[in-house]
């Protein structure tokens, strides 16, 4: 995720802890993992989605869908032309 897309995709009605160290402690992960996700150097994994969902009383699917939306958006930005539909039959 990029920093800008992370802020949009991961915004939720349930506020995140204001300090990454608090989030890392709550999620039982290294602060480097939180920083990499927030700074767009790592994606939200299924394991992290489970942890975020539990900590913020949300479904893990919310976090995976947010990551998937960012991935599709970034892929669409890098593809200049999509292939024509295949003829079947």
N, C-alpha and C. Protein backbone atom coordinates (compact mmCIF):
# COMPACT_ATOMS: atom_id res chain seq x y z
N UNK A 1 0.84 -1.17 0.00
CA UNK A 1 0.00 0.00 0.00
C UNK A 1 0.89 1.24 0.00
N UNK A 2 0.44 2.26 -0.69
CA UNK A 2 1.19 3.51 -0.63
C UNK A 2 0.70 4.29 0.58
N UNK A 3 1.45 5.29 0.98
CA UNK A 3 1.06 6.06 2.16
C UNK A 3 -0.30 6.71 1.97
N UNK A 4 -0.55 7.29 0.80
CA UNK A 4 -1.83 7.95 0.56
C UNK A 4 -2.97 6.94 0.50
N UNK A 5 -2.74 5.82 -0.18
CA UNK A 5 -3.80 4.83 -0.29
C UNK A 5 -4.03 4.13 1.04
N UNK A 6 -2.99 3.99 1.84
CA UNK A 6 -3.15 3.38 3.15
C UNK A 6 -4.08 4.22 4.01
N UNK A 7 -3.87 5.52 4.00
CA UNK A 7 -4.71 6.39 4.81
C UNK A 7 -6.17 6.27 4.40
N UNK A 8 -6.45 6.19 3.10
CA UNK A 8 -7.82 6.08 2.64
C UNK A 8 -8.38 4.68 2.86
N UNK A 9 -7.62 3.67 2.46
CA UNK A 9 -8.12 2.30 2.52
C UNK A 9 -8.26 1.79 3.94
N UNK A 10 -7.40 2.22 4.82
CA UNK A 10 -7.44 1.72 6.18
C UNK A 10 -8.18 2.64 7.14
N UNK A 11 -8.80 3.69 6.62
CA UNK A 11 -9.60 4.53 7.51
C UNK A 11 -10.85 3.75 7.87
N UNK A 12 -11.26 3.90 9.11
CA UNK A 12 -12.42 3.14 9.57
C UNK A 12 -13.12 3.91 10.67
N UNK A 13 -14.36 3.52 10.99
CA UNK A 13 -15.07 4.20 12.07
C UNK A 13 -14.42 3.95 13.43
N UNK A 14 -13.63 2.88 13.55
CA UNK A 14 -12.92 2.58 14.79
C UNK A 14 -11.52 3.14 14.68
N UNK A 15 -11.15 4.10 15.54
CA UNK A 15 -9.83 4.72 15.41
C UNK A 15 -8.70 3.76 15.76
N UNK A 16 -7.61 3.89 15.04
CA UNK A 16 -6.39 3.13 15.33
C UNK A 16 -5.66 3.86 16.45
N UNK A 17 -4.82 3.14 17.21
CA UNK A 17 -3.97 3.83 18.18
C UNK A 17 -3.13 4.90 17.47
N UNK A 18 -2.90 6.01 18.12
CA UNK A 18 -2.21 7.12 17.47
C UNK A 18 -0.72 6.86 17.28
N UNK A 19 -0.14 5.97 18.05
CA UNK A 19 1.28 5.70 17.93
C UNK A 19 1.49 4.28 17.42
N UNK A 20 2.36 4.13 16.41
CA UNK A 20 2.62 2.78 15.87
C UNK A 20 3.09 1.79 16.92
N UNK A 21 3.82 2.25 17.92
CA UNK A 21 4.31 1.35 18.96
C UNK A 21 3.15 0.75 19.75
N UNK A 22 2.09 1.54 19.97
CA UNK A 22 0.91 1.04 20.68
C UNK A 22 0.21 0.00 19.82
N UNK A 23 0.08 0.28 18.54
CA UNK A 23 -0.56 -0.67 17.63
C UNK A 23 0.24 -1.96 17.56
N UNK A 24 1.56 -1.84 17.47
CA UNK A 24 2.41 -3.03 17.39
C UNK A 24 2.26 -3.88 18.65
N UNK A 25 2.25 -3.25 19.79
CA UNK A 25 2.09 -3.98 21.04
C UNK A 25 0.74 -4.69 21.08
N UNK A 26 -0.31 -3.97 20.71
CA UNK A 26 -1.67 -4.53 20.74
C UNK A 26 -1.81 -5.68 19.76
N UNK A 27 -1.16 -5.58 18.60
CA UNK A 27 -1.27 -6.60 17.56
C UNK A 27 -0.23 -7.70 17.69
N UNK A 28 0.62 -7.61 18.70
CA UNK A 28 1.67 -8.60 18.95
C UNK A 28 2.56 -8.79 17.72
N UNK A 29 3.03 -7.68 17.19
CA UNK A 29 3.94 -7.74 16.04
C UNK A 29 5.02 -6.68 16.22
N UNK A 30 6.03 -6.78 15.41
CA UNK A 30 7.13 -5.83 15.45
C UNK A 30 6.65 -4.48 14.90
N UNK A 31 7.12 -3.41 15.49
CA UNK A 31 6.75 -2.07 15.02
C UNK A 31 7.16 -1.87 13.56
N UNK A 32 8.21 -2.56 13.13
CA UNK A 32 8.66 -2.44 11.73
C UNK A 32 7.56 -2.90 10.77
N UNK A 33 6.79 -3.91 11.17
CA UNK A 33 5.70 -4.41 10.32
C UNK A 33 4.64 -3.32 10.15
N UNK A 34 4.27 -2.68 11.25
CA UNK A 34 3.28 -1.60 11.20
C UNK A 34 3.80 -0.47 10.31
N UNK A 35 5.03 -0.06 10.53
CA UNK A 35 5.60 1.03 9.74
C UNK A 35 5.68 0.68 8.25
N UNK A 36 6.04 -0.58 7.92
CA UNK A 36 6.11 -0.98 6.51
C UNK A 36 4.73 -0.94 5.86
N UNK A 37 3.70 -1.37 6.57
CA UNK A 37 2.35 -1.33 6.01
C UNK A 37 1.91 0.12 5.80
N UNK A 38 2.06 0.93 6.84
CA UNK A 38 1.63 2.32 6.77
C UNK A 38 2.39 3.11 5.71
N UNK A 39 3.67 2.80 5.53
CA UNK A 39 4.49 3.54 4.55
C UNK A 39 4.46 2.93 3.16
N UNK A 40 3.63 1.91 2.96
CA UNK A 40 3.46 1.36 1.63
C UNK A 40 4.54 0.40 1.18
N UNK A 41 5.30 -0.15 2.12
CA UNK A 41 6.36 -1.08 1.76
C UNK A 41 5.98 -2.54 2.01
N UNK A 42 4.77 -2.76 2.54
CA UNK A 42 4.28 -4.12 2.78
C UNK A 42 2.76 -4.10 2.66
N UNK A 43 2.22 -5.25 2.32
CA UNK A 43 0.78 -5.40 2.18
C UNK A 43 0.18 -5.97 3.47
N UNK A 44 -1.11 -5.78 3.62
CA UNK A 44 -1.83 -6.40 4.73
C UNK A 44 -2.02 -7.87 4.37
N UNK A 45 -1.46 -8.75 5.19
CA UNK A 45 -1.57 -10.19 4.96
C UNK A 45 -2.83 -10.72 5.65
N UNK A 46 -3.14 -11.98 5.37
CA UNK A 46 -4.29 -12.61 6.02
C UNK A 46 -4.10 -12.63 7.54
N UNK A 47 -2.88 -12.94 7.98
CA UNK A 47 -2.60 -12.96 9.42
C UNK A 47 -2.80 -11.58 10.04
N UNK A 48 -2.28 -10.55 9.38
CA UNK A 48 -2.43 -9.19 9.90
C UNK A 48 -3.90 -8.76 9.87
N UNK A 49 -4.62 -9.18 8.83
CA UNK A 49 -6.05 -8.86 8.75
C UNK A 49 -6.80 -9.46 9.93
N UNK A 50 -6.45 -10.68 10.33
CA UNK A 50 -7.07 -11.31 11.50
C UNK A 50 -6.78 -10.50 12.76
N UNK A 51 -5.53 -10.08 12.91
CA UNK A 51 -5.15 -9.30 14.09
C UNK A 51 -5.83 -7.94 14.12
N UNK A 52 -5.84 -7.25 12.98
CA UNK A 52 -6.50 -5.94 12.91
C UNK A 52 -7.99 -6.07 13.18
N UNK A 53 -8.60 -7.10 12.59
CA UNK A 53 -10.02 -7.32 12.81
C UNK A 53 -10.36 -7.53 14.27
N UNK A 54 -9.58 -8.36 14.93
CA UNK A 54 -9.83 -8.63 16.35
C UNK A 54 -9.60 -7.39 17.21
N UNK A 55 -8.51 -6.68 16.95
CA UNK A 55 -8.16 -5.51 17.76
C UNK A 55 -9.15 -4.36 17.58
N UNK A 56 -9.72 -4.24 16.38
CA UNK A 56 -10.59 -3.11 16.08
C UNK A 56 -12.06 -3.49 15.96
N UNK A 57 -12.37 -4.74 16.35
CA UNK A 57 -13.75 -5.23 16.31
C UNK A 57 -14.36 -5.09 14.92
N UNK A 58 -13.60 -5.55 13.93
CA UNK A 58 -14.03 -5.52 12.54
C UNK A 58 -13.74 -6.89 11.94
N UNK A 59 -14.24 -7.13 10.75
CA UNK A 59 -13.95 -8.40 10.11
C UNK A 59 -12.59 -8.36 9.43
N UNK A 60 -11.90 -9.49 9.39
CA UNK A 60 -10.64 -9.55 8.65
C UNK A 60 -10.86 -9.26 7.17
N UNK A 61 -12.04 -9.60 6.66
CA UNK A 61 -12.34 -9.35 5.24
C UNK A 61 -12.30 -7.87 4.90
N UNK A 62 -12.66 -7.02 5.84
CA UNK A 62 -12.58 -5.57 5.58
C UNK A 62 -11.15 -5.21 5.19
N UNK A 63 -10.17 -5.71 5.98
CA UNK A 63 -8.78 -5.36 5.76
C UNK A 63 -8.23 -6.00 4.49
N UNK A 64 -8.63 -7.24 4.22
CA UNK A 64 -8.17 -7.90 2.98
C UNK A 64 -8.79 -7.24 1.76
N UNK A 65 -10.06 -6.85 1.85
CA UNK A 65 -10.71 -6.16 0.73
C UNK A 65 -10.09 -4.79 0.49
N UNK A 66 -9.72 -4.10 1.56
CA UNK A 66 -9.05 -2.80 1.40
C UNK A 66 -7.72 -2.99 0.69
N UNK A 67 -6.97 -4.02 1.09
CA UNK A 67 -5.68 -4.30 0.44
C UNK A 67 -5.89 -4.67 -1.02
N UNK A 68 -6.90 -5.50 -1.28
CA UNK A 68 -7.18 -5.92 -2.66
C UNK A 68 -7.55 -4.71 -3.52
N UNK A 69 -8.33 -3.80 -2.98
CA UNK A 69 -8.71 -2.60 -3.74
C UNK A 69 -7.48 -1.76 -4.09
N UNK A 70 -6.57 -1.63 -3.16
CA UNK A 70 -5.33 -0.88 -3.41
C UNK A 70 -4.49 -1.60 -4.47
N UNK A 71 -4.38 -2.92 -4.35
CA UNK A 71 -3.59 -3.70 -5.32
C UNK A 71 -4.16 -3.55 -6.73
N UNK A 72 -5.48 -3.64 -6.87
CA UNK A 72 -6.11 -3.51 -8.19
C UNK A 72 -5.92 -2.10 -8.73
N UNK A 73 -6.07 -1.10 -7.89
CA UNK A 73 -5.88 0.29 -8.32
C UNK A 73 -4.45 0.49 -8.83
N UNK A 74 -3.48 0.02 -8.06
CA UNK A 74 -2.08 0.20 -8.46
C UNK A 74 -1.76 -0.57 -9.74
N UNK A 75 -2.33 -1.76 -9.89
CA UNK A 75 -2.12 -2.54 -11.12
C UNK A 75 -2.73 -1.81 -12.31
N UNK A 76 -3.92 -1.25 -12.13
CA UNK A 76 -4.58 -0.53 -13.22
C UNK A 76 -3.77 0.69 -13.65
N UNK A 77 -3.08 1.31 -12.71
CA UNK A 77 -2.26 2.47 -13.05
C UNK A 77 -1.03 2.08 -13.87
N UNK A 78 -0.57 0.85 -13.69
CA UNK A 78 0.65 0.44 -14.39
C UNK A 78 0.37 -0.24 -15.74
N UNK A 79 -0.86 -0.66 -15.98
CA UNK A 79 -1.21 -1.31 -17.25
C UNK A 79 -1.74 -0.25 -18.21
N UNK A 80 -1.06 -0.09 -19.33
CA UNK A 80 -1.48 0.93 -20.30
C UNK A 80 -2.70 0.49 -21.09
N UNK A 81 -2.71 -0.77 -21.51
CA UNK A 81 -3.81 -1.27 -22.33
C UNK A 81 -4.17 -2.68 -21.86
N UNK A 82 -5.45 -2.90 -21.68
CA UNK A 82 -5.92 -4.24 -21.33
C UNK A 82 -6.14 -5.05 -22.60
N UNK A 83 -6.00 -6.37 -22.53
CA UNK A 83 -6.20 -7.18 -23.74
C UNK A 83 -7.66 -7.19 -24.16
N UNK A 84 -7.86 -7.46 -25.44
CA UNK A 84 -9.23 -7.58 -25.96
C UNK A 84 -9.82 -8.87 -25.43
N UNK A 85 -11.16 -8.94 -25.30
CA UNK A 85 -11.79 -10.16 -24.82
C UNK A 85 -11.50 -11.35 -25.78
N UNK A 86 -11.35 -12.53 -25.21
CA UNK A 86 -11.15 -13.73 -26.00
C UNK A 86 -12.47 -14.20 -26.58
N UNK A 87 -12.42 -14.76 -27.78
CA UNK A 87 -13.62 -15.35 -28.37
C UNK A 87 -13.67 -16.81 -27.95
N UNK A 88 -14.75 -17.19 -27.33
CA UNK A 88 -14.91 -18.55 -26.86
C UNK A 88 -15.90 -19.27 -27.74
N UNK A 89 -15.56 -20.48 -28.13
CA UNK A 89 -16.52 -21.26 -28.90
C UNK A 89 -16.14 -21.46 -30.27
